[in-house]
């Protein structure tokens, strides 16, 4: 949206690099009523709750809290949210949504005459089974606070990364879009004691610098 709004102020854009991938997959387990036409967003249940009636909220509040309610970000998750899709279904949905978005970027890049590369962002579990000491202490503390492993543990498996990446890469090759699955690259280049993640999704400052340097070598 920012590119479209401020394109007239930009110099010639020669290259576009998209670094993304987790959000669509992490939110793919939400019910269709929450995903809507363009996918769900974090804490969407609080947003939808705000538009409900007092009677709706009172009735929903009688339900027991669940892992999915925490993922939604609200207290009043509807009953249908307890039926989590299979991982194959989640990957298929997230892949379709990601490729829909990526195709829009492809059109924009072609109009700009720019090279487009999609980088599938790494997750801690996709890079290595066990992090360095600092990471493991942080992960344990975050699990106490937000139960990340309970909510997303199945996504953190290496096989999920490979399956998700293969789906995107096949499309990218057919459309002439560059693609990099960064997790295997980091797995090869990261020292066992190197502190990369501040949680299982985001990097430390040094981690950002390290990842940026890897991308410079790859793109």
N, C-alpha and C. Protein backbone atom coordinates (compact mmCIF):
# COMPACT_ATOMS: atom_id res chain seq x y z
N UNK A 1 0.82 -1.20 0.00
CA UNK A 1 0.00 0.00 0.00
C UNK A 1 0.86 1.26 0.00
N UNK A 2 1.94 1.24 0.78
CA UNK A 2 2.84 2.40 0.80
C UNK A 2 3.50 2.62 -0.56
N UNK A 3 3.87 1.53 -1.22
CA UNK A 3 4.47 1.65 -2.54
C UNK A 3 3.49 2.31 -3.52
N UNK A 4 2.25 1.89 -3.47
CA UNK A 4 1.26 2.45 -4.38
C UNK A 4 1.00 3.92 -4.09
N UNK A 5 0.96 4.27 -2.79
CA UNK A 5 0.65 5.65 -2.42
C UNK A 5 1.80 6.61 -2.70
N UNK A 6 3.03 6.11 -2.59
CA UNK A 6 4.18 7.01 -2.72
C UNK A 6 5.08 6.68 -3.90
N UNK A 7 4.56 5.91 -4.82
CA UNK A 7 5.35 5.55 -5.99
C UNK A 7 5.84 6.78 -6.74
N UNK A 8 5.02 7.82 -6.77
CA UNK A 8 5.37 9.02 -7.53
C UNK A 8 6.56 9.76 -6.92
N UNK A 9 6.93 9.43 -5.68
CA UNK A 9 8.06 10.08 -5.02
C UNK A 9 9.34 9.25 -5.07
N UNK A 10 9.23 8.04 -5.56
CA UNK A 10 10.37 7.13 -5.55
C UNK A 10 11.27 7.31 -6.77
N UNK A 11 12.56 7.06 -6.59
CA UNK A 11 13.43 6.92 -7.77
C UNK A 11 13.09 5.60 -8.45
N UNK A 12 13.76 5.29 -9.54
CA UNK A 12 13.49 4.03 -10.23
C UNK A 12 13.77 2.85 -9.31
N UNK A 13 12.79 1.96 -9.18
CA UNK A 13 12.93 0.77 -8.35
C UNK A 13 13.46 -0.36 -9.22
N UNK A 14 14.64 -0.87 -8.88
CA UNK A 14 15.27 -1.91 -9.69
C UNK A 14 15.09 -3.31 -9.10
N UNK A 15 14.83 -3.37 -7.80
CA UNK A 15 14.73 -4.68 -7.17
C UNK A 15 13.78 -4.64 -5.98
N UNK A 16 12.95 -5.66 -5.87
CA UNK A 16 12.02 -5.80 -4.75
C UNK A 16 12.27 -7.15 -4.08
N UNK A 17 12.50 -7.13 -2.78
CA UNK A 17 12.71 -8.35 -2.02
C UNK A 17 11.63 -8.43 -0.94
N UNK A 18 10.86 -9.49 -0.97
CA UNK A 18 9.82 -9.73 0.03
C UNK A 18 10.33 -10.78 1.01
N UNK A 19 10.30 -10.45 2.29
CA UNK A 19 10.80 -11.34 3.34
C UNK A 19 9.62 -11.63 4.25
N UNK A 20 9.00 -12.79 4.08
CA UNK A 20 7.73 -13.03 4.76
C UNK A 20 7.43 -14.52 4.78
N UNK A 21 6.21 -14.86 5.27
CA UNK A 21 5.77 -16.24 5.16
C UNK A 21 5.10 -16.84 6.37
N UNK A 22 5.46 -16.37 7.59
CA UNK A 22 4.91 -17.04 8.76
C UNK A 22 3.45 -16.67 9.01
N UNK A 23 3.09 -15.40 8.89
CA UNK A 23 1.76 -14.97 9.32
C UNK A 23 0.64 -15.73 8.63
N UNK A 24 0.73 -15.87 7.32
CA UNK A 24 -0.33 -16.59 6.60
C UNK A 24 -0.44 -18.03 7.08
N UNK A 25 0.70 -18.65 7.34
CA UNK A 25 0.68 -20.04 7.80
C UNK A 25 0.22 -20.12 9.25
N UNK A 26 0.69 -19.22 10.09
CA UNK A 26 0.31 -19.25 11.49
C UNK A 26 -1.16 -18.99 11.73
N UNK A 27 -1.79 -18.24 10.83
CA UNK A 27 -3.21 -17.90 10.97
C UNK A 27 -4.12 -18.80 10.14
N UNK A 28 -3.55 -19.73 9.40
CA UNK A 28 -4.34 -20.59 8.52
C UNK A 28 -5.23 -21.55 9.28
N UNK A 29 -4.97 -21.76 10.56
CA UNK A 29 -5.76 -22.70 11.36
C UNK A 29 -7.04 -22.09 11.90
N UNK A 30 -7.22 -20.80 11.70
CA UNK A 30 -8.44 -20.16 12.18
C UNK A 30 -9.62 -20.56 11.31
N UNK A 31 -10.84 -20.47 11.83
CA UNK A 31 -12.03 -20.85 11.06
C UNK A 31 -12.27 -19.91 9.90
N UNK A 32 -13.02 -20.39 8.91
CA UNK A 32 -13.28 -19.60 7.71
C UNK A 32 -13.96 -18.28 8.04
N UNK A 33 -14.81 -18.26 9.06
CA UNK A 33 -15.50 -17.02 9.42
C UNK A 33 -14.53 -15.95 9.90
N UNK A 34 -13.38 -16.37 10.43
CA UNK A 34 -12.37 -15.42 10.87
C UNK A 34 -11.43 -15.03 9.73
N UNK A 35 -11.19 -15.94 8.82
CA UNK A 35 -10.26 -15.68 7.72
C UNK A 35 -10.86 -14.76 6.67
N UNK A 36 -12.15 -14.90 6.43
CA UNK A 36 -12.81 -14.04 5.46
C UNK A 36 -12.23 -14.21 4.07
N UNK A 37 -12.26 -13.15 3.30
CA UNK A 37 -11.82 -13.18 1.91
C UNK A 37 -10.31 -13.07 1.77
N UNK A 38 -9.67 -12.37 2.71
CA UNK A 38 -8.25 -12.04 2.53
C UNK A 38 -7.36 -12.56 3.66
N UNK A 39 -7.84 -13.50 4.44
CA UNK A 39 -7.03 -14.07 5.50
C UNK A 39 -7.26 -13.38 6.83
N UNK A 40 -6.96 -14.11 7.91
CA UNK A 40 -7.16 -13.58 9.26
C UNK A 40 -6.01 -12.66 9.64
N UNK A 41 -6.16 -12.01 10.77
CA UNK A 41 -5.07 -11.20 11.32
C UNK A 41 -5.01 -11.45 12.82
N UNK A 42 -3.85 -11.22 13.41
CA UNK A 42 -3.68 -11.49 14.83
C UNK A 42 -4.59 -10.61 15.67
N UNK A 43 -5.13 -11.20 16.74
CA UNK A 43 -6.07 -10.53 17.64
C UNK A 43 -7.37 -10.14 16.96
N UNK A 44 -7.71 -10.85 15.89
CA UNK A 44 -8.93 -10.50 15.15
C UNK A 44 -10.19 -10.74 15.98
N UNK A 45 -10.11 -11.68 16.94
CA UNK A 45 -11.31 -11.93 17.73
C UNK A 45 -11.70 -10.72 18.58
N UNK A 46 -10.70 -10.01 19.10
CA UNK A 46 -10.99 -8.80 19.85
C UNK A 46 -11.67 -7.77 18.95
N UNK A 47 -11.21 -7.71 17.71
CA UNK A 47 -11.81 -6.79 16.74
C UNK A 47 -13.25 -7.15 16.48
N UNK A 48 -13.51 -8.46 16.23
CA UNK A 48 -14.87 -8.89 15.94
C UNK A 48 -15.76 -8.78 17.18
N UNK A 49 -15.18 -9.03 18.36
CA UNK A 49 -15.95 -8.90 19.60
C UNK A 49 -16.50 -7.49 19.76
N UNK A 50 -15.71 -6.51 19.35
CA UNK A 50 -16.11 -5.11 19.53
C UNK A 50 -17.36 -4.77 18.73
N UNK A 51 -17.66 -5.57 17.70
CA UNK A 51 -18.83 -5.31 16.87
C UNK A 51 -20.02 -6.19 17.25
N UNK A 52 -19.82 -7.08 18.24
CA UNK A 52 -20.92 -7.93 18.67
C UNK A 52 -21.81 -7.23 19.68
N UNK A 53 -22.94 -7.83 19.96
CA UNK A 53 -23.85 -7.28 20.97
C UNK A 53 -23.43 -7.75 22.35
N UNK A 54 -23.95 -7.10 23.38
CA UNK A 54 -23.65 -7.53 24.75
C UNK A 54 -24.11 -8.96 24.98
N UNK A 55 -25.25 -9.32 24.39
CA UNK A 55 -25.76 -10.69 24.54
C UNK A 55 -24.82 -11.69 23.89
N UNK A 56 -24.29 -11.34 22.71
CA UNK A 56 -23.35 -12.22 22.02
C UNK A 56 -22.12 -12.46 22.88
N UNK A 57 -21.57 -11.38 23.45
CA UNK A 57 -20.36 -11.51 24.25
C UNK A 57 -20.62 -12.28 25.54
N UNK A 58 -21.79 -12.07 26.14
CA UNK A 58 -22.11 -12.79 27.37
C UNK A 58 -22.24 -14.28 27.12
N UNK A 59 -22.88 -14.63 26.00
CA UNK A 59 -23.04 -16.05 25.66
C UNK A 59 -21.69 -16.69 25.35
N UNK A 60 -20.85 -15.97 24.60
CA UNK A 60 -19.54 -16.51 24.22
C UNK A 60 -18.64 -16.64 25.44
N UNK A 61 -18.81 -15.77 26.42
CA UNK A 61 -17.95 -15.79 27.60
C UNK A 61 -18.15 -17.04 28.44
N UNK A 62 -19.25 -17.76 28.21
CA UNK A 62 -19.51 -18.98 28.96
C UNK A 62 -18.63 -20.13 28.50
N UNK A 63 -18.02 -19.99 27.32
CA UNK A 63 -17.17 -21.06 26.80
C UNK A 63 -15.85 -21.07 27.56
N UNK A 64 -15.23 -22.24 27.65
CA UNK A 64 -13.95 -22.35 28.32
C UNK A 64 -12.85 -21.79 27.45
N UNK A 65 -11.83 -21.12 28.03
CA UNK A 65 -10.72 -20.61 27.23
C UNK A 65 -9.93 -21.75 26.62
N UNK A 66 -9.37 -21.52 25.46
CA UNK A 66 -8.64 -22.58 24.77
C UNK A 66 -7.40 -22.01 24.11
N UNK A 67 -6.56 -22.90 23.61
CA UNK A 67 -5.39 -22.48 22.86
C UNK A 67 -5.78 -21.61 21.69
N UNK A 68 -6.86 -21.98 20.98
CA UNK A 68 -7.26 -21.20 19.82
C UNK A 68 -7.76 -19.82 20.21
N UNK A 69 -8.37 -19.70 21.36
CA UNK A 69 -8.81 -18.39 21.81
C UNK A 69 -7.62 -17.48 22.06
N UNK A 70 -6.55 -18.04 22.60
CA UNK A 70 -5.35 -17.23 22.81
C UNK A 70 -4.76 -16.80 21.47
N UNK A 71 -4.80 -17.68 20.50
CA UNK A 71 -4.29 -17.33 19.17
C UNK A 71 -5.10 -16.21 18.57
N UNK A 72 -6.41 -16.27 18.73
CA UNK A 72 -7.29 -15.23 18.21
C UNK A 72 -7.06 -13.91 18.94
N UNK A 73 -6.67 -13.97 20.19
CA UNK A 73 -6.40 -12.76 20.93
C UNK A 73 -7.57 -12.27 21.75
N UNK A 74 -8.70 -12.93 21.70
CA UNK A 74 -9.87 -12.52 22.47
C UNK A 74 -10.33 -13.62 23.40
N UNK A 75 -11.26 -13.30 24.26
CA UNK A 75 -11.76 -14.27 25.22
C UNK A 75 -12.94 -15.06 24.67
N UNK A 76 -13.55 -14.58 23.60
CA UNK A 76 -14.83 -15.11 23.19
C UNK A 76 -14.77 -15.83 21.85
N UNK A 77 -13.85 -16.75 21.71
CA UNK A 77 -13.74 -17.48 20.45
C UNK A 77 -14.95 -18.36 20.24
N UNK A 78 -15.51 -18.38 19.01
CA UNK A 78 -16.67 -19.21 18.75
C UNK A 78 -16.32 -20.69 18.77
N UNK A 79 -17.34 -21.53 18.92
CA UNK A 79 -17.11 -22.96 19.08
C UNK A 79 -16.39 -23.58 17.91
N UNK A 80 -16.61 -23.05 16.70
CA UNK A 80 -16.01 -23.66 15.51
C UNK A 80 -14.49 -23.56 15.52
N UNK A 81 -13.92 -22.64 16.30
CA UNK A 81 -12.48 -22.50 16.32
C UNK A 81 -11.78 -23.69 16.94
N UNK A 82 -12.48 -24.57 17.63
CA UNK A 82 -11.85 -25.71 18.26
C UNK A 82 -11.48 -26.79 17.24
N UNK A 83 -12.02 -26.70 16.03
CA UNK A 83 -11.72 -27.67 14.98
C UNK A 83 -10.56 -27.15 14.14
N UNK A 84 -9.35 -27.55 14.50
CA UNK A 84 -8.17 -27.05 13.80
C UNK A 84 -7.93 -27.90 12.55
N UNK A 85 -7.72 -27.27 11.39
CA UNK A 85 -7.46 -28.04 10.16
C UNK A 85 -6.17 -28.84 10.28
N UNK A 86 -6.04 -29.85 9.44
CA UNK A 86 -4.79 -30.60 9.39
C UNK A 86 -3.67 -29.70 8.89
N UNK A 87 -2.43 -30.10 9.15
CA UNK A 87 -1.31 -29.29 8.70
C UNK A 87 -1.28 -29.19 7.18
N UNK A 88 -1.67 -30.27 6.49
CA UNK A 88 -1.72 -30.22 5.02
C UNK A 88 -2.73 -29.18 4.56
N UNK A 89 -3.86 -29.10 5.23
CA UNK A 89 -4.87 -28.10 4.88
C UNK A 89 -4.38 -26.69 5.18
N UNK A 90 -3.67 -26.54 6.27
CA UNK A 90 -3.14 -25.23 6.63
C UNK A 90 -2.10 -24.77 5.60
N UNK A 91 -1.23 -25.67 5.20
CA UNK A 91 -0.21 -25.32 4.22
C UNK A 91 -0.84 -24.97 2.88
N UNK A 92 -1.84 -25.73 2.49
CA UNK A 92 -2.52 -25.46 1.22
C UNK A 92 -3.20 -24.10 1.24
N UNK A 93 -3.87 -23.79 2.34
CA UNK A 93 -4.55 -22.50 2.43
C UNK A 93 -3.54 -21.35 2.45
N UNK A 94 -2.53 -21.47 3.31
CA UNK A 94 -1.53 -20.42 3.43
C UNK A 94 -0.77 -20.23 2.13
N UNK A 95 -0.46 -21.34 1.45
CA UNK A 95 0.23 -21.24 0.18
C UNK A 95 -0.60 -20.51 -0.86
N UNK A 96 -1.88 -20.83 -0.94
CA UNK A 96 -2.75 -20.17 -1.90
C UNK A 96 -2.83 -18.67 -1.62
N UNK A 97 -2.95 -18.29 -0.35
CA UNK A 97 -3.04 -16.89 0.01
C UNK A 97 -1.73 -16.15 -0.28
N UNK A 98 -0.62 -16.78 0.07
CA UNK A 98 0.68 -16.17 -0.17
C UNK A 98 0.94 -15.97 -1.66
N UNK A 99 0.57 -16.96 -2.45
CA UNK A 99 0.79 -16.86 -3.90
C UNK A 99 -0.13 -15.82 -4.52
N UNK A 100 -1.31 -15.66 -3.96
CA UNK A 100 -2.20 -14.61 -4.45
C UNK A 100 -1.57 -13.23 -4.22
N UNK A 101 -1.02 -13.04 -3.02
CA UNK A 101 -0.36 -11.78 -2.71
C UNK A 101 0.89 -11.59 -3.56
N UNK A 102 1.64 -12.68 -3.71
CA UNK A 102 2.89 -12.61 -4.47
C UNK A 102 2.62 -12.29 -5.94
N UNK A 103 1.52 -12.78 -6.47
CA UNK A 103 1.18 -12.49 -7.86
C UNK A 103 0.89 -11.01 -8.06
N UNK A 104 0.30 -10.36 -7.07
CA UNK A 104 0.09 -8.91 -7.15
C UNK A 104 1.42 -8.18 -7.19
N UNK A 105 2.36 -8.63 -6.36
CA UNK A 105 3.70 -8.03 -6.38
C UNK A 105 4.40 -8.28 -7.72
N UNK A 106 4.14 -9.44 -8.30
CA UNK A 106 4.74 -9.73 -9.61
C UNK A 106 4.26 -8.72 -10.66
N UNK A 107 2.97 -8.41 -10.64
CA UNK A 107 2.41 -7.44 -11.58
C UNK A 107 3.03 -6.07 -11.35
N UNK A 108 3.16 -5.67 -10.08
CA UNK A 108 3.76 -4.38 -9.75
C UNK A 108 5.22 -4.34 -10.22
N UNK A 109 5.96 -5.42 -9.93
CA UNK A 109 7.37 -5.47 -10.31
C UNK A 109 7.55 -5.39 -11.82
N UNK A 110 6.70 -6.10 -12.55
CA UNK A 110 6.79 -6.05 -14.01
C UNK A 110 6.52 -4.64 -14.54
N UNK A 111 5.55 -3.96 -13.94
CA UNK A 111 5.25 -2.60 -14.36
C UNK A 111 6.41 -1.66 -14.08
N UNK A 112 7.11 -1.90 -12.96
CA UNK A 112 8.25 -1.07 -12.60
C UNK A 112 9.53 -1.48 -13.32
N UNK A 113 9.50 -2.64 -13.98
CA UNK A 113 10.72 -3.17 -14.59
C UNK A 113 11.72 -3.61 -13.55
N UNK A 114 11.21 -4.11 -12.41
CA UNK A 114 12.08 -4.48 -11.29
C UNK A 114 12.16 -5.99 -11.14
N UNK A 115 13.28 -6.45 -10.61
CA UNK A 115 13.46 -7.85 -10.27
C UNK A 115 12.74 -8.13 -8.96
N UNK A 116 12.01 -9.24 -8.90
CA UNK A 116 11.26 -9.61 -7.70
C UNK A 116 11.80 -10.92 -7.12
N UNK A 117 12.09 -10.91 -5.82
CA UNK A 117 12.55 -12.11 -5.13
C UNK A 117 11.73 -12.29 -3.86
N UNK A 118 11.24 -13.50 -3.65
CA UNK A 118 10.51 -13.83 -2.43
C UNK A 118 11.40 -14.68 -1.54
N UNK A 119 11.58 -14.24 -0.31
CA UNK A 119 12.39 -14.97 0.67
C UNK A 119 11.44 -15.52 1.74
N UNK A 120 11.37 -16.83 1.84
CA UNK A 120 10.56 -17.45 2.90
C UNK A 120 11.32 -17.31 4.20
N UNK A 121 10.75 -16.55 5.11
CA UNK A 121 11.44 -16.23 6.36
C UNK A 121 11.70 -17.49 7.18
N UNK A 122 12.81 -17.53 7.88
CA UNK A 122 13.12 -18.69 8.72
C UNK A 122 12.42 -18.60 10.07
N UNK A 123 12.11 -19.75 10.62
CA UNK A 123 11.67 -19.88 12.00
C UNK A 123 12.73 -20.67 12.75
N UNK A 124 12.78 -20.49 14.05
CA UNK A 124 13.84 -21.13 14.83
C UNK A 124 13.85 -22.65 14.62
N UNK A 125 12.67 -23.27 14.65
CA UNK A 125 12.61 -24.72 14.48
C UNK A 125 12.93 -25.18 13.08
N UNK A 126 12.80 -24.29 12.12
CA UNK A 126 13.14 -24.64 10.73
C UNK A 126 14.66 -24.58 10.50
N UNK A 127 15.34 -23.77 11.31
CA UNK A 127 16.79 -23.61 11.14
C UNK A 127 17.56 -24.69 11.89
N UNK A 128 17.16 -24.94 13.14
CA UNK A 128 17.82 -25.98 13.92
C UNK A 128 16.88 -26.46 15.01
N UNK A 129 17.03 -27.71 15.34
CA UNK A 129 16.12 -28.33 16.31
C UNK A 129 16.25 -27.70 17.69
N UNK A 130 17.47 -27.36 18.07
CA UNK A 130 17.72 -26.73 19.37
C UNK A 130 18.54 -25.48 19.16
N UNK A 131 18.12 -24.38 19.78
CA UNK A 131 18.84 -23.12 19.64
C UNK A 131 20.03 -23.04 20.57
N UNK A 132 20.72 -21.91 20.52
CA UNK A 132 21.82 -21.68 21.44
C UNK A 132 21.25 -21.49 22.85
N UNK A 133 22.11 -21.37 23.84
CA UNK A 133 21.66 -21.29 25.23
C UNK A 133 20.73 -20.09 25.45
N UNK A 134 21.10 -18.93 24.90
CA UNK A 134 20.28 -17.74 25.09
C UNK A 134 18.89 -17.92 24.48
N UNK A 135 18.85 -18.51 23.29
CA UNK A 135 17.56 -18.73 22.64
C UNK A 135 16.69 -19.68 23.44
N UNK A 136 17.26 -20.77 23.90
CA UNK A 136 16.48 -21.76 24.62
C UNK A 136 15.90 -21.19 25.92
N UNK A 137 16.66 -20.33 26.59
CA UNK A 137 16.14 -19.70 27.81
C UNK A 137 14.99 -18.75 27.47
N UNK A 138 15.16 -18.00 26.39
CA UNK A 138 14.08 -17.11 25.96
C UNK A 138 12.84 -17.89 25.55
N UNK A 139 13.04 -18.94 24.78
CA UNK A 139 11.90 -19.74 24.31
C UNK A 139 11.12 -20.32 25.48
N UNK A 140 11.84 -20.80 26.49
CA UNK A 140 11.19 -21.40 27.65
C UNK A 140 10.37 -20.35 28.40
N UNK A 141 10.92 -19.15 28.53
CA UNK A 141 10.20 -18.07 29.23
C UNK A 141 8.97 -17.65 28.44
N UNK A 142 9.11 -17.56 27.12
CA UNK A 142 7.98 -17.16 26.28
C UNK A 142 6.89 -18.22 26.27
N UNK A 143 7.28 -19.48 26.38
CA UNK A 143 6.28 -20.55 26.45
C UNK A 143 5.45 -20.42 27.73
N UNK A 144 6.08 -19.97 28.81
CA UNK A 144 5.34 -19.76 30.05
C UNK A 144 4.34 -18.61 29.90
N UNK A 145 4.75 -17.58 29.20
CA UNK A 145 3.93 -16.38 29.09
C UNK A 145 2.85 -16.51 28.03
N UNK A 146 3.22 -17.07 26.87
CA UNK A 146 2.27 -17.09 25.76
C UNK A 146 1.97 -18.45 25.17
N UNK A 147 2.62 -19.50 25.68
CA UNK A 147 2.38 -20.87 25.22
C UNK A 147 2.57 -21.00 23.70
N UNK A 148 3.68 -20.45 23.22
CA UNK A 148 3.96 -20.48 21.79
C UNK A 148 4.04 -21.90 21.27
N UNK A 149 4.74 -22.76 21.97
CA UNK A 149 4.91 -24.14 21.49
C UNK A 149 3.58 -24.85 21.39
N UNK A 150 2.68 -24.57 22.34
CA UNK A 150 1.37 -25.21 22.31
C UNK A 150 0.57 -24.76 21.09
N UNK A 151 0.72 -23.49 20.74
CA UNK A 151 -0.06 -22.93 19.63
C UNK A 151 0.54 -23.24 18.27
N UNK A 152 1.87 -23.12 18.17
CA UNK A 152 2.52 -23.21 16.86
C UNK A 152 3.55 -24.34 16.75
N UNK A 153 3.62 -25.19 17.75
CA UNK A 153 4.66 -26.21 17.74
C UNK A 153 4.67 -27.07 16.49
N UNK A 154 3.50 -27.38 15.96
CA UNK A 154 3.45 -28.23 14.77
C UNK A 154 4.03 -27.52 13.55
N UNK A 155 3.93 -26.21 13.49
CA UNK A 155 4.47 -25.45 12.36
C UNK A 155 6.00 -25.44 12.39
N UNK A 156 6.59 -25.54 13.57
CA UNK A 156 8.04 -25.40 13.71
C UNK A 156 8.82 -26.60 13.19
N UNK A 157 8.15 -27.63 12.72
CA UNK A 157 8.83 -28.80 12.21
C UNK A 157 9.49 -28.52 10.85
N UNK A 158 10.66 -29.10 10.65
CA UNK A 158 11.40 -28.89 9.40
C UNK A 158 10.59 -29.35 8.19
N UNK A 159 9.85 -30.45 8.31
CA UNK A 159 9.09 -30.96 7.18
C UNK A 159 8.02 -29.98 6.72
N UNK A 160 7.49 -29.19 7.65
CA UNK A 160 6.50 -28.17 7.28
C UNK A 160 7.16 -27.09 6.44
N UNK A 161 8.36 -26.68 6.85
CA UNK A 161 9.11 -25.70 6.07
C UNK A 161 9.34 -26.18 4.65
N UNK A 162 9.77 -27.42 4.49
CA UNK A 162 10.08 -27.95 3.17
C UNK A 162 8.84 -28.07 2.29
N UNK A 163 7.73 -28.48 2.90
CA UNK A 163 6.49 -28.62 2.13
C UNK A 163 5.94 -27.25 1.71
N UNK A 164 5.97 -26.33 2.62
CA UNK A 164 5.48 -24.97 2.35
C UNK A 164 6.36 -24.29 1.30
N UNK A 165 7.68 -24.45 1.45
CA UNK A 165 8.62 -23.84 0.52
C UNK A 165 8.47 -24.42 -0.89
N UNK A 166 8.28 -25.72 -0.97
CA UNK A 166 8.15 -26.37 -2.29
C UNK A 166 6.94 -25.85 -3.04
N UNK A 167 5.85 -25.61 -2.32
CA UNK A 167 4.64 -25.09 -2.95
C UNK A 167 4.89 -23.71 -3.55
N UNK A 168 5.54 -22.85 -2.79
CA UNK A 168 5.80 -21.49 -3.26
C UNK A 168 6.85 -21.48 -4.37
N UNK A 169 7.90 -22.28 -4.21
CA UNK A 169 8.97 -22.30 -5.19
C UNK A 169 8.48 -22.77 -6.56
N UNK A 170 7.62 -23.77 -6.58
CA UNK A 170 7.10 -24.26 -7.86
C UNK A 170 6.37 -23.15 -8.62
N UNK A 171 5.56 -22.40 -7.91
CA UNK A 171 4.84 -21.29 -8.54
C UNK A 171 5.83 -20.22 -8.99
N UNK A 172 6.77 -19.86 -8.12
CA UNK A 172 7.72 -18.80 -8.42
C UNK A 172 8.52 -19.12 -9.69
N UNK A 173 8.97 -20.35 -9.82
CA UNK A 173 9.73 -20.74 -11.01
C UNK A 173 8.89 -20.62 -12.28
N UNK A 174 7.61 -20.96 -12.18
CA UNK A 174 6.74 -20.89 -13.35
C UNK A 174 6.45 -19.45 -13.77
N UNK A 175 6.62 -18.50 -12.83
CA UNK A 175 6.31 -17.09 -13.10
C UNK A 175 7.56 -16.22 -13.26
N UNK A 176 8.72 -16.82 -13.17
CA UNK A 176 9.95 -16.05 -13.30
C UNK A 176 10.26 -15.19 -12.09
N UNK A 177 9.77 -15.58 -10.93
CA UNK A 177 10.02 -14.85 -9.69
C UNK A 177 11.11 -15.58 -8.91
N UNK A 178 12.07 -14.84 -8.40
CA UNK A 178 13.13 -15.45 -7.60
C UNK A 178 12.59 -15.97 -6.29
N UNK A 179 13.15 -17.06 -5.80
CA UNK A 179 12.70 -17.65 -4.53
C UNK A 179 13.88 -18.16 -3.74
N UNK A 180 13.86 -17.89 -2.42
CA UNK A 180 14.89 -18.39 -1.51
C UNK A 180 14.21 -18.92 -0.25
N UNK A 181 14.46 -20.17 0.06
CA UNK A 181 14.06 -20.72 1.36
C UNK A 181 15.26 -20.53 2.28
N UNK A 182 15.17 -19.54 3.16
CA UNK A 182 16.35 -19.13 3.92
C UNK A 182 16.71 -20.08 5.05
N UNK A 183 15.77 -20.87 5.51
CA UNK A 183 16.05 -21.74 6.67
C UNK A 183 17.19 -22.72 6.43
N UNK A 184 17.20 -23.48 5.33
CA UNK A 184 18.33 -24.39 5.10
C UNK A 184 19.65 -23.66 4.93
N UNK A 185 19.61 -22.46 4.37
CA UNK A 185 20.84 -21.66 4.21
C UNK A 185 21.42 -21.31 5.57
N UNK A 186 20.57 -20.83 6.46
CA UNK A 186 21.04 -20.48 7.80
C UNK A 186 21.49 -21.71 8.57
N UNK A 187 20.82 -22.83 8.36
CA UNK A 187 21.22 -24.07 9.04
C UNK A 187 22.65 -24.45 8.69
N UNK A 188 23.06 -24.18 7.47
CA UNK A 188 24.42 -24.50 7.02
C UNK A 188 25.45 -23.49 7.51
N UNK A 189 25.02 -22.24 7.68
CA UNK A 189 25.99 -21.17 7.94
C UNK A 189 26.02 -20.68 9.38
N UNK A 190 25.07 -21.11 10.18
CA UNK A 190 24.95 -20.61 11.55
C UNK A 190 25.79 -21.46 12.50
N UNK A 191 26.59 -20.81 13.33
CA UNK A 191 27.35 -21.53 14.35
C UNK A 191 26.42 -22.02 15.44
N UNK A 192 26.78 -23.14 16.06
CA UNK A 192 25.90 -23.76 17.05
C UNK A 192 25.63 -22.85 18.24
N UNK A 193 26.58 -21.99 18.57
CA UNK A 193 26.42 -21.10 19.73
C UNK A 193 26.03 -19.69 19.31
N UNK A 194 25.67 -19.50 18.06
CA UNK A 194 25.34 -18.16 17.57
C UNK A 194 23.90 -17.81 17.91
N UNK A 195 23.72 -16.65 18.52
CA UNK A 195 22.40 -16.20 18.97
C UNK A 195 21.73 -15.43 17.83
N UNK A 196 20.67 -16.02 17.28
CA UNK A 196 20.00 -15.43 16.12
C UNK A 196 18.61 -14.91 16.45
N UNK A 197 17.83 -15.68 17.20
CA UNK A 197 16.41 -15.36 17.43
C UNK A 197 16.18 -14.77 18.82
N UNK A 198 15.29 -13.78 18.89
CA UNK A 198 14.84 -13.24 20.16
C UNK A 198 13.56 -13.95 20.60
N UNK A 199 12.81 -14.46 19.65
CA UNK A 199 11.75 -15.44 19.88
C UNK A 199 11.85 -16.40 18.70
N UNK A 200 10.89 -17.23 18.48
CA UNK A 200 11.05 -18.23 17.43
C UNK A 200 10.77 -17.68 16.03
N UNK A 201 10.41 -16.39 15.95
CA UNK A 201 10.08 -15.78 14.65
C UNK A 201 11.00 -14.62 14.32
N UNK A 202 11.32 -13.78 15.32
CA UNK A 202 12.04 -12.53 15.09
C UNK A 202 13.49 -12.64 15.55
N UNK A 203 14.34 -11.80 14.94
CA UNK A 203 15.78 -11.86 15.19
C UNK A 203 16.22 -10.84 16.23
N UNK A 204 17.38 -11.09 16.81
CA UNK A 204 18.08 -10.09 17.59
C UNK A 204 18.66 -9.06 16.62
N UNK A 205 19.22 -7.99 17.12
CA UNK A 205 19.87 -6.99 16.25
C UNK A 205 21.01 -7.64 15.46
N UNK A 206 21.84 -8.41 16.15
CA UNK A 206 22.93 -9.10 15.45
C UNK A 206 22.38 -10.12 14.46
N UNK A 207 21.26 -10.73 14.83
CA UNK A 207 20.64 -11.69 13.92
C UNK A 207 20.17 -11.03 12.64
N UNK A 208 19.56 -9.86 12.74
CA UNK A 208 19.15 -9.12 11.54
C UNK A 208 20.35 -8.83 10.65
N UNK A 209 21.44 -8.42 11.26
CA UNK A 209 22.65 -8.10 10.50
C UNK A 209 23.19 -9.34 9.80
N UNK A 210 23.22 -10.45 10.52
CA UNK A 210 23.71 -11.70 9.95
C UNK A 210 22.84 -12.16 8.78
N UNK A 211 21.54 -12.12 8.97
CA UNK A 211 20.61 -12.55 7.90
C UNK A 211 20.72 -11.65 6.69
N UNK A 212 20.84 -10.34 6.91
CA UNK A 212 20.96 -9.40 5.79
C UNK A 212 22.20 -9.70 4.96
N UNK A 213 23.29 -10.04 5.64
CA UNK A 213 24.53 -10.34 4.92
C UNK A 213 24.39 -11.63 4.11
N UNK A 214 23.63 -12.61 4.64
CA UNK A 214 23.41 -13.83 3.88
C UNK A 214 22.61 -13.54 2.60
N UNK A 215 21.62 -12.66 2.74
CA UNK A 215 20.79 -12.33 1.58
C UNK A 215 21.60 -11.60 0.51
N UNK A 216 22.54 -10.77 0.94
CA UNK A 216 23.39 -10.07 -0.03
C UNK A 216 24.18 -11.06 -0.86
N UNK A 217 24.56 -12.18 -0.27
CA UNK A 217 25.29 -13.21 -1.01
C UNK A 217 24.40 -14.01 -1.95
N UNK A 218 23.10 -14.04 -1.66
CA UNK A 218 22.19 -14.93 -2.38
C UNK A 218 21.41 -14.26 -3.51
N UNK A 219 21.15 -12.98 -3.35
CA UNK A 219 20.28 -12.29 -4.33
C UNK A 219 21.12 -11.55 -5.37
